[in-house]
Amino acid sequence: MSEHQLAHVTFHVMGDSVTPAFWTDYFGVEPDTAITKGDYFITPSGRPSRTPGRVGLWGIGSKASIRSDQLEPHLRYLAERLNLSRSGLRELLERQQVKVRFWCYWDNESGDRVPDVPDDIRAMVEAIGGSVEIDEYR
């Protein structure tokens, strides 16, 4: 694996009604990103935002914890850390009127890499009404 990881994943809870503190308590994990719609926030560079958040967002990534150029270890790490297979999650997301997704960074400069999203992870994400999005860079 190169020094620059060719893959990593971020899990997002998104929507106008997202209250980051609620999701931090629910998952029992401090987020890497927390934005309340209409409030100023700290950008990834550590600076205050120039404008208020346009949407609520709670997110946690795998990049700092998992060293792999494949998606599977990153996806499994986040699914297990957040216990995404817990009962009632889909209903909670629907009540809160929020969406969830795995946002996958996929560096494919060589053009010969194929993203590896296991069927059981896809099924689990579908079961909670979420999505897996792969952002491929060439």
N, C-alpha and C. Protein backbone atom coordinates (compact mmCIF):
# COMPACT_ATOMS: atom_id res chain seq x y z
N MET A 1 0.84 -1.18 0.00
CA MET A 1 0.00 0.00 0.00
C MET A 1 0.88 1.24 0.00
N SER A 2 0.50 2.20 -0.79
CA SER A 2 1.28 3.44 -0.86
C SER A 2 0.99 4.31 0.36
N GLU A 3 1.79 5.36 0.52
CA GLU A 3 1.58 6.30 1.62
C GLU A 3 0.22 6.99 1.48
N HIS A 4 -0.17 7.26 0.23
CA HIS A 4 -1.47 7.84 -0.06
C HIS A 4 -2.47 6.71 -0.21
N GLN A 5 -3.46 6.65 0.68
CA GLN A 5 -4.46 5.59 0.59
C GLN A 5 -5.30 5.75 -0.66
N LEU A 6 -5.55 4.65 -1.32
CA LEU A 6 -6.34 4.66 -2.54
C LEU A 6 -7.82 4.47 -2.28
N ALA A 7 -8.18 4.27 -1.02
CA ALA A 7 -9.59 4.10 -0.66
C ALA A 7 -9.81 4.52 0.79
N HIS A 8 -10.95 5.09 1.05
CA HIS A 8 -11.44 5.30 2.41
C HIS A 8 -12.93 5.60 2.33
N VAL A 9 -13.62 5.54 3.46
CA VAL A 9 -15.07 5.65 3.48
C VAL A 9 -15.50 6.58 4.60
N THR A 10 -16.55 7.35 4.35
CA THR A 10 -17.18 8.18 5.37
C THR A 10 -18.65 7.81 5.44
N PHE A 11 -19.16 7.66 6.65
CA PHE A 11 -20.58 7.42 6.87
C PHE A 11 -21.23 8.75 7.24
N HIS A 12 -22.31 9.10 6.54
CA HIS A 12 -23.01 10.37 6.78
C HIS A 12 -24.46 10.13 7.18
N VAL A 13 -24.93 10.91 8.14
CA VAL A 13 -26.35 11.09 8.40
C VAL A 13 -26.63 12.50 7.93
N MET A 14 -27.62 12.67 7.01
CA MET A 14 -27.82 13.97 6.37
C MET A 14 -29.30 14.34 6.36
N GLY A 15 -29.55 15.63 6.53
CA GLY A 15 -30.91 16.13 6.42
C GLY A 15 -31.10 17.42 7.17
N ASP A 16 -32.14 18.13 6.83
CA ASP A 16 -32.40 19.42 7.46
C ASP A 16 -32.60 19.30 8.96
N SER A 17 -33.12 18.15 9.42
CA SER A 17 -33.43 17.99 10.84
C SER A 17 -32.30 17.36 11.66
N VAL A 18 -31.14 17.14 11.05
CA VAL A 18 -30.03 16.49 11.78
C VAL A 18 -29.58 17.37 12.94
N THR A 19 -29.59 16.77 14.12
CA THR A 19 -29.02 17.39 15.31
C THR A 19 -27.80 16.55 15.67
N PRO A 20 -26.60 17.06 15.41
CA PRO A 20 -25.40 16.25 15.62
C PRO A 20 -25.30 15.62 17.01
N ALA A 21 -25.67 16.34 18.06
CA ALA A 21 -25.55 15.79 19.42
C ALA A 21 -26.41 14.53 19.57
N PHE A 22 -27.59 14.51 18.94
CA PHE A 22 -28.45 13.32 19.01
C PHE A 22 -27.74 12.11 18.44
N TRP A 23 -27.13 12.27 17.25
CA TRP A 23 -26.48 11.14 16.59
C TRP A 23 -25.20 10.73 17.29
N THR A 24 -24.52 11.68 17.90
CA THR A 24 -23.34 11.34 18.70
C THR A 24 -23.75 10.46 19.87
N ASP A 25 -24.82 10.82 20.55
CA ASP A 25 -25.33 10.01 21.66
C ASP A 25 -25.82 8.65 21.17
N TYR A 26 -26.55 8.64 20.08
CA TYR A 26 -27.13 7.41 19.55
C TYR A 26 -26.04 6.39 19.18
N PHE A 27 -25.03 6.84 18.45
CA PHE A 27 -23.98 5.93 18.02
C PHE A 27 -22.89 5.75 19.08
N GLY A 28 -22.82 6.67 20.04
CA GLY A 28 -21.78 6.58 21.06
C GLY A 28 -20.39 6.85 20.51
N VAL A 29 -20.32 7.68 19.47
CA VAL A 29 -19.07 7.96 18.77
C VAL A 29 -19.03 9.45 18.46
N GLU A 30 -17.87 10.07 18.69
CA GLU A 30 -17.68 11.47 18.31
C GLU A 30 -17.49 11.55 16.79
N PRO A 31 -18.20 12.45 16.13
CA PRO A 31 -18.08 12.55 14.68
C PRO A 31 -16.83 13.30 14.24
N ASP A 32 -16.45 13.07 13.01
CA ASP A 32 -15.39 13.87 12.39
C ASP A 32 -15.97 15.16 11.83
N THR A 33 -17.25 15.12 11.48
CA THR A 33 -17.96 16.27 10.91
C THR A 33 -19.31 16.39 11.60
N ALA A 34 -19.65 17.61 12.01
CA ALA A 34 -20.95 17.86 12.63
C ALA A 34 -21.43 19.25 12.21
N ILE A 35 -22.55 19.27 11.50
CA ILE A 35 -23.11 20.53 11.02
C ILE A 35 -24.60 20.55 11.33
N THR A 36 -25.05 21.62 11.94
CA THR A 36 -26.47 21.86 12.13
C THR A 36 -26.91 22.88 11.10
N LYS A 37 -27.98 22.57 10.38
CA LYS A 37 -28.46 23.49 9.35
C LYS A 37 -28.69 24.87 9.96
N GLY A 38 -28.15 25.89 9.30
CA GLY A 38 -28.34 27.27 9.75
C GLY A 38 -27.30 27.77 10.73
N ASP A 39 -26.44 26.88 11.21
CA ASP A 39 -25.40 27.27 12.16
C ASP A 39 -24.03 27.29 11.48
N TYR A 40 -23.15 28.14 11.96
CA TYR A 40 -21.76 28.13 11.50
C TYR A 40 -21.09 26.89 12.07
N PHE A 41 -20.06 26.42 11.42
CA PHE A 41 -19.39 25.18 11.82
C PHE A 41 -17.90 25.29 11.53
N ILE A 42 -17.17 24.31 12.00
CA ILE A 42 -15.73 24.25 11.75
C ILE A 42 -15.50 23.40 10.50
N THR A 43 -14.76 23.94 9.54
CA THR A 43 -14.49 23.24 8.30
C THR A 43 -13.44 22.15 8.52
N PRO A 44 -13.28 21.24 7.55
CA PRO A 44 -12.25 20.20 7.69
C PRO A 44 -10.84 20.76 7.89
N SER A 45 -10.58 21.98 7.43
CA SER A 45 -9.26 22.58 7.62
C SER A 45 -9.11 23.18 9.02
N GLY A 46 -10.18 23.13 9.83
CA GLY A 46 -10.12 23.65 11.20
C GLY A 46 -10.51 25.10 11.34
N ARG A 47 -10.99 25.70 10.26
CA ARG A 47 -11.38 27.11 10.29
C ARG A 47 -12.90 27.23 10.41
N PRO A 48 -13.37 28.35 10.95
CA PRO A 48 -14.82 28.58 10.99
C PRO A 48 -15.37 28.75 9.57
N SER A 49 -16.57 28.25 9.35
CA SER A 49 -17.19 28.40 8.03
C SER A 49 -17.54 29.87 7.79
N ARG A 50 -17.58 30.24 6.53
CA ARG A 50 -17.94 31.61 6.16
C ARG A 50 -19.45 31.79 6.09
N THR A 51 -20.15 30.70 5.86
CA THR A 51 -21.61 30.73 5.78
C THR A 51 -22.18 29.64 6.67
N PRO A 52 -23.43 29.78 7.09
CA PRO A 52 -24.05 28.73 7.89
C PRO A 52 -24.25 27.45 7.08
N GLY A 53 -24.39 26.34 7.77
CA GLY A 53 -24.63 25.07 7.10
C GLY A 53 -25.92 25.07 6.31
N ARG A 54 -25.86 24.56 5.09
CA ARG A 54 -27.05 24.49 4.24
C ARG A 54 -27.89 23.25 4.52
N VAL A 55 -27.27 22.28 5.16
CA VAL A 55 -27.95 21.03 5.51
C VAL A 55 -27.31 20.49 6.79
N GLY A 56 -28.05 19.72 7.55
CA GLY A 56 -27.48 19.08 8.73
C GLY A 56 -26.67 17.86 8.31
N LEU A 57 -25.56 17.63 9.01
CA LEU A 57 -24.68 16.52 8.65
C LEU A 57 -23.96 16.01 9.88
N TRP A 58 -23.92 14.69 10.02
CA TRP A 58 -23.13 14.02 11.05
C TRP A 58 -22.31 12.99 10.29
N GLY A 59 -20.99 13.00 10.45
CA GLY A 59 -20.19 12.06 9.68
C GLY A 59 -18.96 11.57 10.41
N ILE A 60 -18.60 10.32 10.10
CA ILE A 60 -17.39 9.72 10.66
C ILE A 60 -16.71 8.93 9.55
N GLY A 61 -15.39 9.07 9.49
CA GLY A 61 -14.63 8.41 8.44
C GLY A 61 -13.73 7.31 8.95
N SER A 62 -13.24 6.53 8.01
CA SER A 62 -12.38 5.39 8.32
C SER A 62 -10.91 5.65 8.07
N LYS A 63 -10.60 6.75 7.38
CA LYS A 63 -9.24 6.98 6.88
C LYS A 63 -8.17 6.92 7.97
N ALA A 64 -8.43 7.51 9.12
CA ALA A 64 -7.43 7.55 10.19
C ALA A 64 -7.28 6.22 10.92
N SER A 65 -8.27 5.35 10.79
CA SER A 65 -8.27 4.10 11.57
C SER A 65 -7.93 2.86 10.77
N ILE A 66 -8.19 2.87 9.49
CA ILE A 66 -7.99 1.68 8.65
C ILE A 66 -6.96 1.99 7.57
N ARG A 67 -5.98 1.14 7.46
CA ARG A 67 -4.94 1.27 6.43
C ARG A 67 -5.18 0.19 5.38
N SER A 68 -5.90 0.54 4.33
CA SER A 68 -6.16 -0.41 3.25
C SER A 68 -6.52 0.36 1.99
N ASP A 69 -6.12 -0.16 0.85
CA ASP A 69 -6.48 0.42 -0.43
C ASP A 69 -7.76 -0.20 -0.99
N GLN A 70 -8.41 -1.06 -0.21
CA GLN A 70 -9.67 -1.68 -0.60
C GLN A 70 -10.80 -1.09 0.25
N LEU A 71 -12.01 -1.08 -0.27
CA LEU A 71 -13.15 -0.52 0.46
C LEU A 71 -13.66 -1.42 1.57
N GLU A 72 -13.62 -2.73 1.36
CA GLU A 72 -14.25 -3.65 2.32
C GLU A 72 -13.82 -3.42 3.77
N PRO A 73 -12.53 -3.32 4.10
CA PRO A 73 -12.16 -3.13 5.51
C PRO A 73 -12.70 -1.81 6.07
N HIS A 74 -12.76 -0.78 5.26
CA HIS A 74 -13.28 0.52 5.69
C HIS A 74 -14.78 0.43 5.98
N LEU A 75 -15.52 -0.21 5.06
CA LEU A 75 -16.96 -0.38 5.24
C LEU A 75 -17.28 -1.22 6.47
N ARG A 76 -16.57 -2.32 6.64
CA ARG A 76 -16.83 -3.20 7.80
C ARG A 76 -16.50 -2.48 9.12
N TYR A 77 -15.42 -1.74 9.13
CA TYR A 77 -15.04 -0.99 10.33
C TYR A 77 -16.17 -0.04 10.75
N LEU A 78 -16.67 0.75 9.81
CA LEU A 78 -17.72 1.71 10.16
C LEU A 78 -19.03 1.03 10.51
N ALA A 79 -19.40 -0.01 9.77
CA ALA A 79 -20.65 -0.73 10.07
C ALA A 79 -20.62 -1.33 11.47
N GLU A 80 -19.47 -1.88 11.86
CA GLU A 80 -19.34 -2.47 13.20
C GLU A 80 -19.23 -1.39 14.27
N ARG A 81 -18.42 -0.37 14.04
CA ARG A 81 -18.23 0.68 15.05
C ARG A 81 -19.54 1.39 15.38
N LEU A 82 -20.39 1.57 14.35
CA LEU A 82 -21.66 2.27 14.55
C LEU A 82 -22.83 1.31 14.82
N ASN A 83 -22.55 0.01 14.76
CA ASN A 83 -23.58 -1.00 14.97
C ASN A 83 -24.78 -0.73 14.06
N LEU A 84 -24.53 -0.64 12.77
CA LEU A 84 -25.56 -0.28 11.81
C LEU A 84 -26.60 -1.37 11.59
N SER A 85 -26.35 -2.57 12.09
CA SER A 85 -27.33 -3.65 11.93
C SER A 85 -28.33 -3.68 13.09
N ARG A 86 -28.26 -2.70 13.99
CA ARG A 86 -29.17 -2.68 15.15
C ARG A 86 -30.63 -2.56 14.70
N SER A 87 -31.51 -3.14 15.46
CA SER A 87 -32.93 -3.07 15.13
C SER A 87 -33.45 -1.67 15.38
N GLY A 88 -34.41 -1.27 14.55
CA GLY A 88 -35.07 0.01 14.72
C GLY A 88 -34.38 1.19 14.07
N LEU A 89 -33.20 0.99 13.49
CA LEU A 89 -32.47 2.11 12.90
C LEU A 89 -33.22 2.70 11.71
N ARG A 90 -33.72 1.85 10.83
CA ARG A 90 -34.44 2.36 9.65
C ARG A 90 -35.64 3.21 10.08
N GLU A 91 -36.40 2.73 11.05
CA GLU A 91 -37.58 3.46 11.53
C GLU A 91 -37.17 4.79 12.14
N LEU A 92 -36.08 4.80 12.89
CA LEU A 92 -35.58 6.05 13.49
C LEU A 92 -35.19 7.05 12.40
N LEU A 93 -34.49 6.59 11.40
CA LEU A 93 -34.09 7.46 10.29
C LEU A 93 -35.32 8.05 9.60
N GLU A 94 -36.33 7.22 9.40
CA GLU A 94 -37.56 7.70 8.76
C GLU A 94 -38.28 8.72 9.64
N ARG A 95 -38.37 8.45 10.95
CA ARG A 95 -39.01 9.41 11.87
C ARG A 95 -38.27 10.73 11.90
N GLN A 96 -36.94 10.67 11.88
CA GLN A 96 -36.12 11.87 11.92
C GLN A 96 -36.06 12.57 10.56
N GLN A 97 -36.56 11.89 9.53
CA GLN A 97 -36.55 12.41 8.15
C GLN A 97 -35.12 12.73 7.68
N VAL A 98 -34.24 11.77 7.90
CA VAL A 98 -32.85 11.91 7.48
C VAL A 98 -32.45 10.72 6.61
N LYS A 99 -31.39 10.89 5.87
CA LYS A 99 -30.84 9.85 5.00
C LYS A 99 -29.45 9.49 5.49
N VAL A 100 -29.02 8.27 5.17
CA VAL A 100 -27.66 7.85 5.49
C VAL A 100 -27.00 7.32 4.22
N ARG A 101 -25.67 7.44 4.22
CA ARG A 101 -24.91 6.91 3.10
C ARG A 101 -23.50 6.59 3.54
N PHE A 102 -22.91 5.66 2.79
CA PHE A 102 -21.47 5.45 2.83
C PHE A 102 -20.94 6.19 1.61
N TRP A 103 -20.09 7.19 1.84
CA TRP A 103 -19.42 7.89 0.75
C TRP A 103 -18.03 7.30 0.64
N CYS A 104 -17.74 6.69 -0.51
CA CYS A 104 -16.49 5.96 -0.70
C CYS A 104 -15.55 6.71 -1.64
N TYR A 105 -14.37 7.03 -1.15
CA TYR A 105 -13.31 7.60 -1.98
C TYR A 105 -12.59 6.44 -2.64
N TRP A 106 -12.45 6.50 -3.96
CA TRP A 106 -11.83 5.41 -4.71
C TRP A 106 -10.87 6.00 -5.74
N ASP A 107 -9.57 5.90 -5.48
CA ASP A 107 -8.54 6.40 -6.38
C ASP A 107 -8.25 5.28 -7.38
N ASN A 108 -8.51 5.58 -8.65
CA ASN A 108 -8.33 4.58 -9.70
C ASN A 108 -7.54 5.17 -10.87
N GLU A 109 -6.44 5.82 -10.55
CA GLU A 109 -5.62 6.46 -11.58
C GLU A 109 -5.17 5.45 -12.63
N SER A 110 -4.90 4.22 -12.19
CA SER A 110 -4.44 3.19 -13.12
C SER A 110 -5.57 2.70 -14.03
N GLY A 111 -6.81 2.89 -13.60
CA GLY A 111 -7.96 2.46 -14.39
C GLY A 111 -8.27 0.98 -14.31
N ASP A 112 -7.51 0.24 -13.50
CA ASP A 112 -7.73 -1.21 -13.44
C ASP A 112 -8.22 -1.70 -12.07
N ARG A 113 -8.58 -0.77 -11.20
CA ARG A 113 -9.08 -1.17 -9.87
C ARG A 113 -10.60 -1.24 -9.90
N VAL A 114 -11.15 -2.27 -9.25
CA VAL A 114 -12.60 -2.45 -9.18
C VAL A 114 -13.01 -2.33 -7.71
N PRO A 115 -13.96 -1.41 -7.40
CA PRO A 115 -14.39 -1.24 -6.00
C PRO A 115 -14.99 -2.53 -5.45
N ASP A 116 -14.68 -2.83 -4.21
CA ASP A 116 -15.14 -4.05 -3.56
C ASP A 116 -16.15 -3.74 -2.45
N VAL A 117 -17.42 -3.74 -2.80
CA VAL A 117 -18.48 -3.54 -1.80
C VAL A 117 -19.17 -4.89 -1.64
N PRO A 118 -18.94 -5.56 -0.51
CA PRO A 118 -19.52 -6.90 -0.32
C PRO A 118 -21.05 -6.88 -0.33
N ASP A 119 -21.62 -7.99 -0.80
CA ASP A 119 -23.07 -8.10 -0.89
C ASP A 119 -23.76 -7.92 0.46
N ASP A 120 -23.15 -8.43 1.55
CA ASP A 120 -23.80 -8.30 2.86
C ASP A 120 -23.82 -6.84 3.34
N ILE A 121 -22.81 -6.07 2.97
CA ILE A 121 -22.79 -4.64 3.32
C ILE A 121 -23.86 -3.91 2.51
N ARG A 122 -23.95 -4.21 1.21
CA ARG A 122 -25.00 -3.60 0.38
C ARG A 122 -26.39 -3.91 0.93
N ALA A 123 -26.62 -5.16 1.31
CA ALA A 123 -27.92 -5.57 1.85
C ALA A 123 -28.22 -4.85 3.16
N MET A 124 -27.24 -4.71 4.04
CA MET A 124 -27.43 -4.03 5.31
C MET A 124 -27.77 -2.56 5.08
N VAL A 125 -27.07 -1.91 4.15
CA VAL A 125 -27.33 -0.50 3.85
C VAL A 125 -28.73 -0.34 3.24
N GLU A 126 -29.11 -1.24 2.34
CA GLU A 126 -30.46 -1.21 1.78
C GLU A 126 -31.51 -1.38 2.87
N ALA A 127 -31.25 -2.28 3.81
CA ALA A 127 -32.22 -2.56 4.89
C ALA A 127 -32.49 -1.33 5.75
N ILE A 128 -31.51 -0.43 5.86
CA ILE A 128 -31.75 0.78 6.65
C ILE A 128 -32.14 1.96 5.77
N GLY A 129 -32.32 1.70 4.47
CA GLY A 129 -32.75 2.76 3.56
C GLY A 129 -31.64 3.68 3.11
N GLY A 130 -30.39 3.23 3.23
CA GLY A 130 -29.24 4.06 2.88
C GLY A 130 -28.70 3.76 1.50
N SER A 131 -27.56 4.36 1.20
CA SER A 131 -26.92 4.15 -0.10
C SER A 131 -25.41 4.04 0.07
N VAL A 132 -24.80 3.43 -0.93
CA VAL A 132 -23.34 3.37 -1.04
C VAL A 132 -22.98 4.16 -2.29
N GLU A 133 -22.22 5.24 -2.12
CA GLU A 133 -21.83 6.08 -3.24
C GLU A 133 -20.31 6.02 -3.40
N ILE A 134 -19.89 5.72 -4.61
CA ILE A 134 -18.45 5.61 -4.88
C ILE A 134 -18.03 6.82 -5.73
N ASP A 135 -17.12 7.58 -5.17
CA ASP A 135 -16.57 8.75 -5.86
C ASP A 135 -15.21 8.34 -6.40
N GLU A 136 -15.18 8.04 -7.69
CA GLU A 136 -13.97 7.51 -8.31
C GLU A 136 -13.14 8.63 -8.92
N TYR A 137 -11.85 8.59 -8.65
CA TYR A 137 -10.91 9.59 -9.17
C TYR A 137 -9.93 8.91 -10.11
N ARG A 138 -9.76 9.50 -11.28
CA ARG A 138 -8.82 8.95 -12.27
C ARG A 138 -7.78 9.98 -12.61
